[in-house]
Amino acid sequence: MRFRPKSQSLWVYQNAAIQLAFRVLSIAQGREWISKPSEDNSQVRAVIKAAGVLGDPHAVNWLISKMQDPTLAGLAGELFTGITGIDLEEYNLLSDEAEQPHPDIFDDETDTTALLDPKVYMPAWA
């Protein structure tokens, strides 16, 4: 299964498809759909979105690991918050250089603003 559209102009459809499909799939079905694309680094943003929309609590540790990558931190952080309900800013879990996450995480493929400090949050969740 391939999440990433071949054409850049198809991003809007990819995001809509992820939003729709992973809201109606069971956790087991969603995990199955995510498992193959998760092995492909070129699809990591789509897999992060899918895991977050699915709301699978088993994806939290994986999302935390993705928050250590500055290019994925904003997206992974927003979806981590969506699953756990933890407000990263309220609990001072953002690193010093972090800014506010992009207001619509499904529109910006390059958001790097919610970089988290793994020394702060990883021990608490594990």
PDB file of N, CA and C in Angstrom:
ATOM      1  N   MET A   1       0.851  -1.180   0.000  1.00  0.00           N
ATOM      2  CA  MET A   1       0.000   0.000   0.000  1.00  0.00           C
ATOM      3  C   MET A   1       0.890   1.234   0.000  1.00  0.00           C
ATOM      4  N   ARG A   2       0.543   2.215  -0.793  1.00  0.00           N
ATOM      5  CA  ARG A   2       1.309   3.448  -0.889  1.00  0.00           C
ATOM      6  C   ARG A   2       0.404   4.610  -0.496  1.00  0.00           C
ATOM      7  N   PHE A   3       0.830   5.377   0.508  1.00  0.00           N
ATOM      8  CA  PHE A   3       0.058   6.535   0.949  1.00  0.00           C
ATOM      9  C   PHE A   3       0.413   7.781   0.147  1.00  0.00           C
ATOM     10  N   ARG A   4       1.660   7.900  -0.231  1.00  0.00           N
ATOM     11  CA  ARG A   4       2.148   9.135  -0.820  1.00  0.00           C
ATOM     12  C   ARG A   4       1.730   9.241  -2.282  1.00  0.00           C
ATOM     13  N   PRO A   5       1.009  10.303  -2.638  1.00  0.00           N
ATOM     14  CA  PRO A   5       0.600  10.463  -4.030  1.00  0.00           C
ATOM     15  C   PRO A   5       1.810  10.746  -4.917  1.00  0.00           C
ATOM     16  N   LYS A   6       1.724  10.333  -6.169  1.00  0.00           N
ATOM     17  CA  LYS A   6       2.825  10.541  -7.103  1.00  0.00           C
ATOM     18  C   LYS A   6       2.966  12.004  -7.494  1.00  0.00           C
ATOM     19  N   SER A   7       1.893  12.736  -7.466  1.00  0.00           N
ATOM     20  CA  SER A   7       1.906  14.133  -7.859  1.00  0.00           C
ATOM     21  C   SER A   7       1.737  15.025  -6.634  1.00  0.00           C
ATOM     22  N   GLN A   8       2.511  16.091  -6.571  1.00  0.00           N
ATOM     23  CA  GLN A   8       2.419  17.027  -5.457  1.00  0.00           C
ATOM     24  C   GLN A   8       1.023  17.643  -5.379  1.00  0.00           C
ATOM     25  N   SER A   9       0.355  17.800  -6.511  1.00  0.00           N
ATOM     26  CA  SER A   9      -0.975  18.409  -6.509  1.00  0.00           C
ATOM     27  C   SER A   9      -2.031  17.506  -5.869  1.00  0.00           C
ATOM     28  N   LEU A  10      -1.692  16.255  -5.614  1.00  0.00           N
ATOM     29  CA  LEU A  10      -2.654  15.327  -5.018  1.00  0.00           C
ATOM     30  C   LEU A  10      -2.588  15.286  -3.490  1.00  0.00           C
ATOM     31  N   TRP A  11      -1.727  16.126  -2.867  1.00  0.00           N
ATOM     32  CA  TRP A  11      -1.606  16.126  -1.400  1.00  0.00           C
ATOM     33  C   TRP A  11      -2.948  16.344  -0.715  1.00  0.00           C
ATOM     34  N   VAL A  12      -3.742  17.255  -1.239  1.00  0.00           N
ATOM     35  CA  VAL A  12      -5.018  17.561  -0.607  1.00  0.00           C
ATOM     36  C   VAL A  12      -5.908  16.319  -0.573  1.00  0.00           C
ATOM     37  N   TYR A  13      -5.855  15.511  -1.605  1.00  0.00           N
ATOM     38  CA  TYR A  13      -6.657  14.285  -1.631  1.00  0.00           C
ATOM     39  C   TYR A  13      -6.101  13.238  -0.672  1.00  0.00           C
ATOM     40  N   GLN A  14      -4.787  13.170  -0.570  1.00  0.00           N
ATOM     41  CA  GLN A  14      -4.169  12.227   0.363  1.00  0.00           C
ATOM     42  C   GLN A  14      -4.587  12.551   1.789  1.00  0.00           C
ATOM     43  N   ASN A  15      -4.520  13.805   2.146  1.00  0.00           N
ATOM     44  CA  ASN A  15      -4.885  14.203   3.504  1.00  0.00           C
ATOM     45  C   ASN A  15      -6.357  13.935   3.789  1.00  0.00           C
ATOM     46  N   ALA A  16      -7.204  14.221   2.822  1.00  0.00           N
ATOM     47  CA  ALA A  16      -8.636  13.953   3.001  1.00  0.00           C
ATOM     48  C   ALA A  16      -8.887  12.454   3.128  1.00  0.00           C
ATOM     49  N   ALA A  17      -8.187  11.662   2.332  1.00  0.00           N
ATOM     50  CA  ALA A  17      -8.356  10.209   2.395  1.00  0.00           C
ATOM     51  C   ALA A  17      -7.906   9.660   3.749  1.00  0.00           C
ATOM     52  N   ILE A  18      -6.790  10.159   4.261  1.00  0.00           N
ATOM     53  CA  ILE A  18      -6.316   9.728   5.585  1.00  0.00           C
ATOM     54  C   ILE A  18      -7.338  10.109   6.646  1.00  0.00           C
ATOM     55  N   GLN A  19      -7.825  11.340   6.587  1.00  0.00           N
ATOM     56  CA  GLN A  19      -8.817  11.800   7.564  1.00  0.00           C
ATOM     57  C   GLN A  19     -10.066  10.927   7.545  1.00  0.00           C
ATOM     58  N   LEU A  20     -10.529  10.599   6.381  1.00  0.00           N
ATOM     59  CA  LEU A  20     -11.754   9.811   6.260  1.00  0.00           C
ATOM     60  C   LEU A  20     -11.528   8.345   6.637  1.00  0.00           C
ATOM     61  N   ALA A  21     -10.563   7.720   6.018  1.00  0.00           N
ATOM     62  CA  ALA A  21     -10.359   6.277   6.200  1.00  0.00           C
ATOM     63  C   ALA A  21      -9.997   5.915   7.635  1.00  0.00           C
ATOM     64  N   PHE A  22      -9.071   6.633   8.230  1.00  0.00           N
ATOM     65  CA  PHE A  22      -8.590   6.232   9.551  1.00  0.00           C
ATOM     66  C   PHE A  22      -9.519   6.653  10.683  1.00  0.00           C
ATOM     67  N   ARG A  23     -10.551   7.389  10.381  1.00  0.00           N
ATOM     68  CA  ARG A  23     -11.585   7.677  11.378  1.00  0.00           C
ATOM     69  C   ARG A  23     -12.629   6.566  11.452  1.00  0.00           C
ATOM     70  N   VAL A  24     -12.766   5.805  10.383  1.00  0.00           N
ATOM     71  CA  VAL A  24     -13.792   4.758  10.367  1.00  0.00           C
ATOM     72  C   VAL A  24     -13.222   3.350  10.517  1.00  0.00           C
ATOM     73  N   LEU A  25     -11.930   3.184  10.347  1.00  0.00           N
ATOM     74  CA  LEU A  25     -11.322   1.858  10.505  1.00  0.00           C
ATOM     75  C   LEU A  25     -11.236   1.484  11.978  1.00  0.00           C
ATOM     76  N   SER A  26     -11.318   0.197  12.250  1.00  0.00           N
ATOM     77  CA  SER A  26     -11.044  -0.263  13.616  1.00  0.00           C
ATOM     78  C   SER A  26      -9.543  -0.115  13.866  1.00  0.00           C
ATOM     79  N   ILE A  27      -9.146  -0.145  15.128  1.00  0.00           N
ATOM     80  CA  ILE A  27      -7.722  -0.050  15.458  1.00  0.00           C
ATOM     81  C   ILE A  27      -6.942  -1.160  14.748  1.00  0.00           C
ATOM     82  N   ALA A  28      -7.455  -2.376  14.775  1.00  0.00           N
ATOM     83  CA  ALA A  28      -6.758  -3.510  14.145  1.00  0.00           C
ATOM     84  C   ALA A  28      -6.604  -3.293  12.639  1.00  0.00           C
ATOM     85  N   GLN A  29      -7.670  -2.841  11.980  1.00  0.00           N
ATOM     86  CA  GLN A  29      -7.589  -2.588  10.542  1.00  0.00           C
ATOM     87  C   GLN A  29      -6.615  -1.450  10.246  1.00  0.00           C
ATOM     88  N   GLY A  30      -6.676  -0.401  11.045  1.00  0.00           N
ATOM     89  CA  GLY A  30      -5.777   0.730  10.855  1.00  0.00           C
ATOM     90  C   GLY A  30      -4.326   0.329  11.009  1.00  0.00           C
ATOM     91  N   ARG A  31      -4.034  -0.476  12.012  1.00  0.00           N
ATOM     92  CA  ARG A  31      -2.654  -0.945  12.202  1.00  0.00           C
ATOM     93  C   ARG A  31      -2.193  -1.739  10.992  1.00  0.00           C
ATOM     94  N   GLU A  32      -3.083  -2.573  10.464  1.00  0.00           N
ATOM     95  CA  GLU A  32      -2.730  -3.376   9.292  1.00  0.00           C
ATOM     96  C   GLU A  32      -2.450  -2.467   8.091  1.00  0.00           C
ATOM     97  N   TRP A  33      -3.293  -1.453   7.884  1.00  0.00           N
ATOM     98  CA  TRP A  33      -3.097  -0.532   6.767  1.00  0.00           C
ATOM     99  C   TRP A  33      -1.807   0.270   6.914  1.00  0.00           C
ATOM    100  N   ILE A  34      -1.425   0.587   8.146  1.00  0.00           N
ATOM    101  CA  ILE A  34      -0.236   1.401   8.403  1.00  0.00           C
ATOM    102  C   ILE A  34       1.054   0.585   8.352  1.00  0.00           C
ATOM    103  N   SER A  35       0.986  -0.699   8.646  1.00  0.00           N
ATOM    104  CA  SER A  35       2.205  -1.493   8.837  1.00  0.00           C
ATOM    105  C   SER A  35       3.142  -1.478   7.631  1.00  0.00           C
ATOM    106  N   LYS A  36       2.655  -1.673   6.447  1.00  0.00           N
ATOM    107  CA  LYS A  36       3.524  -1.720   5.266  1.00  0.00           C
ATOM    108  C   LYS A  36       4.137  -0.353   4.940  1.00  0.00           C
ATOM    109  N   PRO A  37       3.337   0.714   4.829  1.00  0.00           N
ATOM    110  CA  PRO A  37       3.935   2.021   4.531  1.00  0.00           C
ATOM    111  C   PRO A  37       4.889   2.513   5.620  1.00  0.00           C
ATOM    112  N   SER A  38       4.732   2.046   6.852  1.00  0.00           N
ATOM    113  CA  SER A  38       5.608   2.513   7.928  1.00  0.00           C
ATOM    114  C   SER A  38       7.051   2.060   7.735  1.00  0.00           C
ATOM    115  N   GLU A  39       7.267   1.092   6.862  1.00  0.00           N
ATOM    116  CA  GLU A  39       8.615   0.611   6.575  1.00  0.00           C
ATOM    117  C   GLU A  39       9.326   1.492   5.543  1.00  0.00           C
ATOM    118  N   ASP A  40       8.604   2.411   4.919  1.00  0.00           N
ATOM    119  CA  ASP A  40       9.132   3.264   3.866  1.00  0.00           C
ATOM    120  C   ASP A  40       9.331   4.680   4.407  1.00  0.00           C
ATOM    121  N   ASN A  41      10.592   5.094   4.550  1.00  0.00           N
ATOM    122  CA  ASN A  41      10.884   6.422   5.118  1.00  0.00           C
ATOM    123  C   ASN A  41      10.292   7.569   4.312  1.00  0.00           C
ATOM    124  N   SER A  42      10.061   7.370   3.031  1.00  0.00           N
ATOM    125  CA  SER A  42       9.485   8.445   2.224  1.00  0.00           C
ATOM    126  C   SER A  42       8.017   8.689   2.564  1.00  0.00           C
ATOM    127  N   GLN A  43       7.414   7.792   3.303  1.00  0.00           N
ATOM    128  CA  GLN A  43       5.995   7.929   3.650  1.00  0.00           C
ATOM    129  C   GLN A  43       5.776   8.238   5.123  1.00  0.00           C
ATOM    130  N   VAL A  44       6.821   8.604   5.831  1.00  0.00           N
ATOM    131  CA  VAL A  44       6.722   8.770   7.278  1.00  0.00           C
ATOM    132  C   VAL A  44       5.693   9.830   7.681  1.00  0.00           C
ATOM    133  N   ARG A  45       5.599  10.945   6.964  1.00  0.00           N
ATOM    134  CA  ARG A  45       4.616  11.975   7.334  1.00  0.00           C
ATOM    135  C   ARG A  45       3.195  11.452   7.182  1.00  0.00           C
ATOM    136  N   ALA A  46       2.931  10.724   6.110  1.00  0.00           N
ATOM    137  CA  ALA A  46       1.590  10.158   5.905  1.00  0.00           C
ATOM    138  C   ALA A  46       1.277   9.132   6.990  1.00  0.00           C
ATOM    139  N   VAL A  47       2.264   8.336   7.379  1.00  0.00           N
ATOM    140  CA  VAL A  47       2.045   7.326   8.418  1.00  0.00           C
ATOM    141  C   VAL A  47       1.804   7.991   9.769  1.00  0.00           C
ATOM    142  N   ILE A  48       2.534   9.067  10.066  1.00  0.00           N
ATOM    143  CA  ILE A  48       2.310   9.807  11.314  1.00  0.00           C
ATOM    144  C   ILE A  48       0.880  10.339  11.341  1.00  0.00           C
ATOM    145  N   LYS A  49       0.441  10.933  10.239  1.00  0.00           N
ATOM    146  CA  LYS A  49      -0.926  11.453  10.168  1.00  0.00           C
ATOM    147  C   LYS A  49      -1.940  10.335  10.376  1.00  0.00           C
ATOM    148  N   ALA A  50      -1.726   9.221   9.691  1.00  0.00           N
ATOM    149  CA  ALA A  50      -2.668   8.100   9.786  1.00  0.00           C
ATOM    150  C   ALA A  50      -2.723   7.556  11.213  1.00  0.00           C
ATOM    151  N   ALA A  51      -1.560   7.393  11.852  1.00  0.00           N
ATOM    152  CA  ALA A  51      -1.531   6.886  13.233  1.00  0.00           C
ATOM    153  C   ALA A  51      -2.247   7.838  14.180  1.00  0.00           C
ATOM    154  N   GLY A  52      -2.051   9.126  13.977  1.00  0.00           N
ATOM    155  CA  GLY A  52      -2.712  10.108  14.840  1.00  0.00           C
ATOM    156  C   GLY A  52      -4.212  10.158  14.638  1.00  0.00           C
ATOM    157  N   VAL A  53      -4.656  10.120  13.394  1.00  0.00           N
ATOM    158  CA  VAL A  53      -6.086  10.143  13.116  1.00  0.00           C
ATOM    159  C   VAL A  53      -6.738   8.863  13.631  1.00  0.00           C
ATOM    160  N   LEU A  54      -6.050   7.741  13.499  1.00  0.00           N
ATOM    161  CA  LEU A  54      -6.562   6.465  14.011  1.00  0.00           C
ATOM    162  C   LEU A  54      -6.745   6.538  15.529  1.00  0.00           C
ATOM    163  N   GLY A  55      -5.854   7.271  16.199  1.00  0.00           N
ATOM    164  CA  GLY A  55      -5.967   7.443  17.648  1.00  0.00           C
ATOM    165  C   GLY A  55      -5.487   6.244  18.437  1.00  0.00           C
ATOM    166  N   ASP A  56      -4.601   5.469  17.865  1.00  0.00           N
ATOM    167  CA  ASP A  56      -4.104   4.254  18.499  1.00  0.00           C
ATOM    168  C   ASP A  56      -3.099   4.598  19.605  1.00  0.00           C
ATOM    169  N   PRO A  57      -3.426   4.299  20.864  1.00  0.00           N
ATOM    170  CA  PRO A  57      -2.484   4.611  21.947  1.00  0.00           C
ATOM    171  C   PRO A  57      -1.172   3.833  21.849  1.00  0.00           C
ATOM    172  N   HIS A  58      -1.171   2.722  21.121  1.00  0.00           N
ATOM    173  CA  HIS A  58       0.074   1.982  20.940  1.00  0.00           C
ATOM    174  C   HIS A  58       1.062   2.730  20.041  1.00  0.00           C
ATOM    175  N   ALA A  59       0.611   3.751  19.343  1.00  0.00           N
ATOM    176  CA  ALA A  59       1.482   4.539  18.476  1.00  0.00           C
ATOM    177  C   ALA A  59       2.203   5.648  19.229  1.00  0.00           C
ATOM    178  N   VAL A  60       1.879   5.863  20.487  1.00  0.00           N
ATOM    179  CA  VAL A  60       2.436   6.995  21.239  1.00  0.00           C
ATOM    180  C   VAL A  60       3.959   6.921  21.341  1.00  0.00           C
ATOM    181  N   ASN A  61       4.517   5.789  21.696  1.00  0.00           N
ATOM    182  CA  ASN A  61       5.982   5.702  21.804  1.00  0.00           C
ATOM    183  C   ASN A  61       6.649   5.980  20.463  1.00  0.00           C
ATOM    184  N   TRP A  62       6.048   5.485  19.392  1.00  0.00           N
ATOM    185  CA  TRP A  62       6.586   5.733  18.057  1.00  0.00           C
ATOM    186  C   TRP A  62       6.500   7.221  17.721  1.00  0.00           C
ATOM    187  N   LEU A  63       5.375   7.860  18.059  1.00  0.00           N
ATOM    188  CA  LEU A  63       5.248   9.302  17.820  1.00  0.00           C
ATOM    189  C   LEU A  63       6.285  10.082  18.619  1.00  0.00           C
ATOM    190  N   ILE A  64       6.540   9.662  19.841  1.00  0.00           N
ATOM    191  CA  ILE A  64       7.567  10.325  20.651  1.00  0.00           C
ATOM    192  C   ILE A  64       8.923  10.226  19.957  1.00  0.00           C
ATOM    193  N   SER A  65       9.230   9.067  19.411  1.00  0.00           N
ATOM    194  CA  SER A  65      10.510   8.926  18.705  1.00  0.00           C
ATOM    195  C   SER A  65      10.573   9.841  17.487  1.00  0.00           C
ATOM    196  N   LYS A  66       9.453  10.060  16.817  1.00  0.00           N
ATOM    197  CA  LYS A  66       9.422  10.950  15.654  1.00  0.00           C
ATOM    198  C   LYS A  66       9.528  12.411  16.071  1.00  0.00           C
ATOM    199  N   MET A  67       9.147  12.743  17.294  1.00  0.00           N
ATOM    200  CA  MET A  67       9.245  14.122  17.778  1.00  0.00           C
ATOM    201  C   MET A  67      10.690  14.546  17.990  1.00  0.00           C
ATOM    202  N   GLN A  68      11.612  13.620  17.959  1.00  0.00           N
ATOM    203  CA  GLN A  68      13.021  13.963  18.109  1.00  0.00           C
ATOM    204  C   GLN A  68      13.637  14.443  16.798  1.00  0.00           C
ATOM    205  N   ASP A  69      12.931  14.239  15.702  1.00  0.00           N
ATOM    206  CA  ASP A  69      13.377  14.690  14.389  1.00  0.00           C
ATOM    207  C   ASP A  69      12.771  16.070  14.136  1.00  0.00           C
ATOM    208  N   PRO A  70      13.601  17.102  13.997  1.00  0.00           N
ATOM    209  CA  PRO A  70      13.062  18.454  13.826  1.00  0.00           C
ATOM    210  C   PRO A  70      12.115  18.603  12.636  1.00  0.00           C
ATOM    211  N   THR A  71      12.283  17.800  11.597  1.00  0.00           N
ATOM    212  CA  THR A  71      11.410  17.917  10.429  1.00  0.00           C
ATOM    213  C   THR A  71      10.052  17.259  10.641  1.00  0.00           C
ATOM    214  N   LEU A  72       9.921  16.442  11.685  1.00  0.00           N
ATOM    215  CA  LEU A  72       8.663  15.743  11.961  1.00  0.00           C
ATOM    216  C   LEU A  72       8.043  16.146  13.293  1.00  0.00           C
ATOM    217  N   ALA A  73       8.757  16.933  14.076  1.00  0.00           N
ATOM    218  CA  ALA A  73       8.351  17.234  15.447  1.00  0.00           C
ATOM    219  C   ALA A  73       6.982  17.890  15.547  1.00  0.00           C
ATOM    220  N   GLY A  74       6.708  18.859  14.708  1.00  0.00           N
ATOM    221  CA  GLY A  74       5.425  19.564  14.789  1.00  0.00           C
ATOM    222  C   GLY A  74       4.250  18.648  14.516  1.00  0.00           C
ATOM    223  N   LEU A  75       4.360  17.882  13.453  1.00  0.00           N
ATOM    224  CA  LEU A  75       3.295  16.964  13.075  1.00  0.00           C
ATOM    225  C   LEU A  75       3.109  15.880  14.139  1.00  0.00           C
ATOM    226  N   ALA A  76       4.201  15.235  14.537  1.00  0.00           N
ATOM    227  CA  ALA A  76       4.113  14.163  15.537  1.00  0.00           C
ATOM    228  C   ALA A  76       3.617  14.700  16.878  1.00  0.00           C
ATOM    229  N   GLY A  77       4.055  15.895  17.252  1.00  0.00           N
ATOM    230  CA  GLY A  77       3.629  16.492  18.516  1.00  0.00           C
ATOM    231  C   GLY A  77       2.140  16.793  18.553  1.00  0.00           C
ATOM    232  N   GLU A  78       1.617  17.337  17.456  1.00  0.00           N
ATOM    233  CA  GLU A  78       0.184  17.621  17.404  1.00  0.00           C
ATOM    234  C   GLU A  78      -0.640  16.340  17.502  1.00  0.00           C
ATOM    235  N   LEU A  79      -0.213  15.302  16.820  1.00  0.00           N
ATOM    236  CA  LEU A  79      -0.978  14.062  16.837  1.00  0.00           C
ATOM    237  C   LEU A  79      -0.796  13.315  18.161  1.00  0.00           C
ATOM    238  N   PHE A  80       0.363  13.463  18.795  1.00  0.00           N
ATOM    239  CA  PHE A  80       0.577  12.940  20.146  1.00  0.00           C
ATOM    240  C   PHE A  80      -0.435  13.581  21.094  1.00  0.00           C
ATOM    241  N   THR A  81      -0.585  14.891  20.985  1.00  0.00           N
ATOM    242  CA  THR A  81      -1.556  15.611  21.813  1.00  0.00           C
ATOM    243  C   THR A  81      -2.973  15.130  21.527  1.00  0.00           C
ATOM    244  N   GLY A  82      -3.275  14.897  20.258  1.00  0.00           N
ATOM    245  CA  GLY A  82      -4.599  14.416  19.895  1.00  0.00           C
ATOM    246  C   GLY A  82      -4.934  13.069  20.503  1.00  0.00           C
ATOM    247  N   ILE A  83      -3.940  12.194  20.602  1.00  0.00           N
ATOM    248  CA  ILE A  83      -4.172  10.860  21.165  1.00  0.00           C
ATOM    249  C   ILE A  83      -4.207  10.904  22.686  1.00  0.00           C
ATOM    250  N   THR A  84      -3.255  11.606  23.295  1.00  0.00           N
ATOM    251  CA  THR A  84      -3.100  11.554  24.750  1.00  0.00           C
ATOM    252  C   THR A  84      -3.873  12.643  25.484  1.00  0.00           C
ATOM    253  N   GLY A  85      -4.146  13.751  24.819  1.00  0.00           N
ATOM    254  CA  GLY A  85      -4.778  14.889  25.480  1.00  0.00           C
ATOM    255  C   GLY A  85      -3.788  15.737  26.260  1.00  0.00           C
ATOM    256  N   ILE A  86      -2.513  15.402  26.206  1.00  0.00           N
ATOM    257  CA  ILE A  86      -1.483  16.148  26.931  1.00  0.00           C
ATOM    258  C   ILE A  86      -1.127  17.407  26.154  1.00  0.00           C
ATOM    259  N   ASP A  87      -1.286  18.557  26.789  1.00  0.00           N
ATOM    260  CA  ASP A  87      -0.918  19.825  26.187  1.00  0.00           C
ATOM    261  C   ASP A  87       0.580  20.024  26.411  1.00  0.00           C
ATOM    262  N   LEU A  88       1.365  19.879  25.352  1.00  0.00           N
ATOM    263  CA  LEU A  88       2.823  19.915  25.472  1.00  0.00           C
ATOM    264  C   LEU A  88       3.340  21.257  25.982  1.00  0.00           C
ATOM    265  N   GLU A  89       2.689  22.324  25.587  1.00  0.00           N
ATOM    266  CA  GLU A  89       3.116  23.647  26.045  1.00  0.00           C
ATOM    267  C   GLU A  89       2.775  23.842  27.526  1.00  0.00           C
ATOM    268  N   GLU A  90       1.588  23.435  27.924  1.00  0.00           N
ATOM    269  CA  GLU A  90       1.156  23.599  29.317  1.00  0.00           C
ATOM    270  C   GLU A  90       2.094  22.898  30.300  1.00  0.00           C
ATOM    271  N   TYR A  91       2.602  21.741  29.900  1.00  0.00           N
ATOM    272  CA  TYR A  91       3.475  20.970  30.788  1.00  0.00           C
ATOM    273  C   TYR A  91       4.960  21.185  30.497  1.00  0.00           C
ATOM    274  N   ASN A  92       5.278  22.247  29.773  1.00  0.00           N
ATOM    275  CA  ASN A  92       6.663  22.592  29.444  1.00  0.00           C
ATOM    276  C   ASN A  92       7.424  21.436  28.804  1.00  0.00           C
ATOM    277  N   LEU A  93       6.799  20.774  27.861  1.00  0.00           N
ATOM    278  CA  LEU A  93       7.443  19.652  27.187  1.00  0.00           C
ATOM    279  C   LEU A  93       8.021  20.034  25.828  1.00  0.00           C
ATOM    280  N   LEU A  94       7.896  21.297  25.456  1.00  0.00           N
ATOM    281  CA  LEU A  94       8.506  21.776  24.223  1.00  0.00           C
ATOM    282  C   LEU A  94       9.934  22.197  24.510  1.00  0.00           C
ATOM    283  N   SER A  95      10.810  21.994  23.551  1.00  0.00           N
ATOM    284  CA  SER A  95      12.190  22.440  23.743  1.00  0.00           C
ATOM    285  C   SER A  95      12.242  23.958  23.663  1.00  0.00           C
ATOM    286  N   ASP A  96      13.333  24.534  24.101  1.00  0.00           N
ATOM    287  CA  ASP A  96      13.460  25.987  24.149  1.00  0.00           C
ATOM    288  C   ASP A  96      13.299  26.639  22.781  1.00  0.00           C
ATOM    289  N   GLU A  97      13.791  25.991  21.727  1.00  0.00           N
ATOM    290  CA  GLU A  97      13.721  26.602  20.406  1.00  0.00           C
ATOM    291  C   GLU A  97      12.388  26.367  19.695  1.00  0.00           C
ATOM    292  N   ALA A  98      11.457  25.698  20.331  1.00  0.00           N
ATOM    293  CA  ALA A  98      10.170  25.397  19.684  1.00  0.00           C
ATOM    294  C   ALA A  98       9.250  26.608  19.689  1.00  0.00           C
ATOM    295  N   GLU A  99       8.460  26.702  18.645  1.00  0.00           N
ATOM    296  CA  GLU A  99       7.424  27.713  18.546  1.00  0.00           C
ATOM    297  C   GLU A  99       6.083  26.992  18.560  1.00  0.00           C
ATOM    298  N   GLN A 100       5.011  27.744  18.364  1.00  0.00           N
ATOM    299  CA  GLN A 100       3.686  27.133  18.305  1.00  0.00           C
ATOM    300  C   GLN A 100       3.586  26.238  17.079  1.00  0.00           C
ATOM    301  N   PRO A 101       2.925  25.078  17.203  1.00  0.00           N
ATOM    302  CA  PRO A 101       2.714  24.227  16.034  1.00  0.00           C
ATOM    303  C   PRO A 101       1.863  24.941  14.989  1.00  0.00           C
ATOM    304  N   HIS A 102       2.033  24.524  13.762  1.00  0.00           N
ATOM    305  CA  HIS A 102       1.261  25.080  12.644  1.00  0.00           C
ATOM    306  C   HIS A 102      -0.227  24.862  12.917  1.00  0.00           C
ATOM    307  N   PRO A 103      -1.093  25.856  12.664  1.00  0.00           N
ATOM    308  CA  PRO A 103      -2.509  25.717  13.007  1.00  0.00           C
ATOM    309  C   PRO A 103      -3.236  24.590  12.264  1.00  0.00           C
ATOM    310  N   ASP A 104      -2.809  24.238  11.058  1.00  0.00           N
ATOM    311  CA  ASP A 104      -3.460  23.139  10.346  1.00  0.00           C
ATOM    312  C   ASP A 104      -2.392  22.163   9.890  1.00  0.00           C
ATOM    313  N   ILE A 105      -2.152  21.158  10.695  1.00  0.00           N
ATOM    314  CA  ILE A 105      -1.060  20.228  10.440  1.00  0.00           C
ATOM    315  C   ILE A 105      -1.218  19.457   9.152  1.00  0.00           C
ATOM    316  N   PHE A 106      -2.410  19.412   8.616  1.00  0.00           N
ATOM    317  CA  PHE A 106      -2.602  18.655   7.389  1.00  0.00           C
ATOM    318  C   PHE A 106      -2.382  19.513   6.142  1.00  0.00           C
ATOM    319  N   ASP A 107      -2.061  20.781   6.301  1.00  0.00           N
ATOM    320  CA  ASP A 107      -1.790  21.632   5.152  1.00  0.00           C
ATOM    321  C   ASP A 107      -0.306  21.877   4.939  1.00  0.00           C
ATOM    322  N   ASP A 108       0.510  21.793   5.962  1.00  0.00           N
ATOM    323  CA  ASP A 108       1.913  22.162   5.862  1.00  0.00           C
ATOM    324  C   ASP A 108       2.789  20.921   5.956  1.00  0.00           C
ATOM    325  N   GLU A 109       3.441  20.572   4.882  1.00  0.00           N
ATOM    326  CA  GLU A 109       4.296  19.385   4.852  1.00  0.00           C
ATOM    327  C   GLU A 109       5.685  19.647   5.427  1.00  0.00           C
ATOM    328  N   THR A 110       6.001  20.887   5.807  1.00  0.00           N
ATOM    329  CA  THR A 110       7.347  21.191   6.271  1.00  0.00           C
ATOM    330  C   THR A 110       7.370  21.793   7.669  1.00  0.00           C
ATOM    331  N   ASP A 111       6.332  21.666   8.445  1.00  0.00           N
ATOM    332  CA  ASP A 111       6.277  22.252   9.779  1.00  0.00           C
ATOM    333  C   ASP A 111       7.332  21.632  10.687  1.00  0.00           C
ATOM    334  N   THR A 112       8.139  22.461  11.312  1.00  0.00           N
ATOM    335  CA  THR A 112       9.177  21.978  12.219  1.00  0.00           C
ATOM    336  C   THR A 112       9.095  22.675  13.566  1.00  0.00           C
ATOM    337  N   THR A 113       7.957  23.207  13.938  1.00  0.00           N
ATOM    338  CA  THR A 113       7.899  24.133  15.068  1.00  0.00           C
ATOM    339  C   THR A 113       7.732  23.502  16.440  1.00  0.00           C
ATOM    340  N   ALA A 114       7.250  22.296  16.558  1.00  0.00           N
ATOM    341  CA  ALA A 114       6.989  21.733  17.887  1.00  0.00           C
ATOM    342  C   ALA A 114       8.041  20.707  18.281  1.00  0.00           C
ATOM    343  N   LEU A 115       9.286  21.077  18.145  1.00  0.00           N
ATOM    344  CA  LEU A 115      10.379  20.181  18.495  1.00  0.00           C
ATOM    345  C   LEU A 115      10.361  19.930  19.999  1.00  0.00           C
ATOM    346  N   LEU A 116      10.339  18.671  20.382  1.00  0.00           N
ATOM    347  CA  LEU A 116      10.263  18.309  21.795  1.00  0.00           C
ATOM    348  C   LEU A 116      11.611  17.859  22.318  1.00  0.00           C
ATOM    349  N   ASP A 117      11.815  18.054  23.581  1.00  0.00           N
ATOM    350  CA  ASP A 117      13.046  17.646  24.231  1.00  0.00           C
ATOM    351  C   ASP A 117      12.867  16.230  24.769  1.00  0.00           C
ATOM    352  N   PRO A 118      13.512  15.220  24.158  1.00  0.00           N
ATOM    353  CA  PRO A 118      13.298  13.830  24.579  1.00  0.00           C
ATOM    354  C   PRO A 118      13.748  13.547  26.012  1.00  0.00           C
ATOM    355  N   LYS A 119      14.683  14.313  26.541  1.00  0.00           N
ATOM    356  CA  LYS A 119      15.129  14.097  27.920  1.00  0.00           C
ATOM    357  C   LYS A 119      14.028  14.428  28.922  1.00  0.00           C
ATOM    358  N   VAL A 120      13.093  15.280  28.495  1.00  0.00           N
ATOM    359  CA  VAL A 120      12.021  15.707  29.372  1.00  0.00           C
ATOM    360  C   VAL A 120      10.831  14.738  29.322  1.00  0.00           C
ATOM    361  N   TYR A 121      10.391  14.392  28.113  1.00  0.00           N
ATOM    362  CA  TYR A 121       9.130  13.657  28.007  1.00  0.00           C
ATOM    363  C   TYR A 121       9.270  12.150  27.865  1.00  0.00           C
ATOM    364  N   MET A 122      10.352  11.644  27.319  1.00  0.00           N
ATOM    365  CA  MET A 122      10.460  10.205  27.064  1.00  0.00           C
ATOM    366  C   MET A 122      10.425   9.379  28.352  1.00  0.00           C
ATOM    367  N   PRO A 123      11.152   9.739  29.412  1.00  0.00           N
ATOM    368  CA  PRO A 123      11.105   8.911  30.622  1.00  0.00           C
ATOM    369  C   PRO A 123       9.711   8.856  31.266  1.00  0.00           C
ATOM    370  N   ALA A 124       8.958   9.937  31.134  1.00  0.00           N
ATOM    371  CA  ALA A 124       7.640   9.973  31.762  1.00  0.00           C
ATOM    372  C   ALA A 124       6.651   9.041  31.080  1.00  0.00           C
ATOM    373  N   TRP A 125       6.788   8.872  29.768  1.00  0.00           N
ATOM    374  CA  TRP A 125       5.812   8.053  29.041  1.00  0.00           C
ATOM    375  C   TRP A 125       6.191   6.583  29.052  1.00  0.00           C
ATOM    376  N   ALA A 126       7.449   6.267  29.000  1.00  0.00           N
ATOM    377  CA  ALA A 126       7.910   4.877  28.861  1.00  0.00           C
ATOM    378  C   ALA A 126       7.594   4.004  30.016  1.00  0.00           C
TER     379      ALA A 126
END
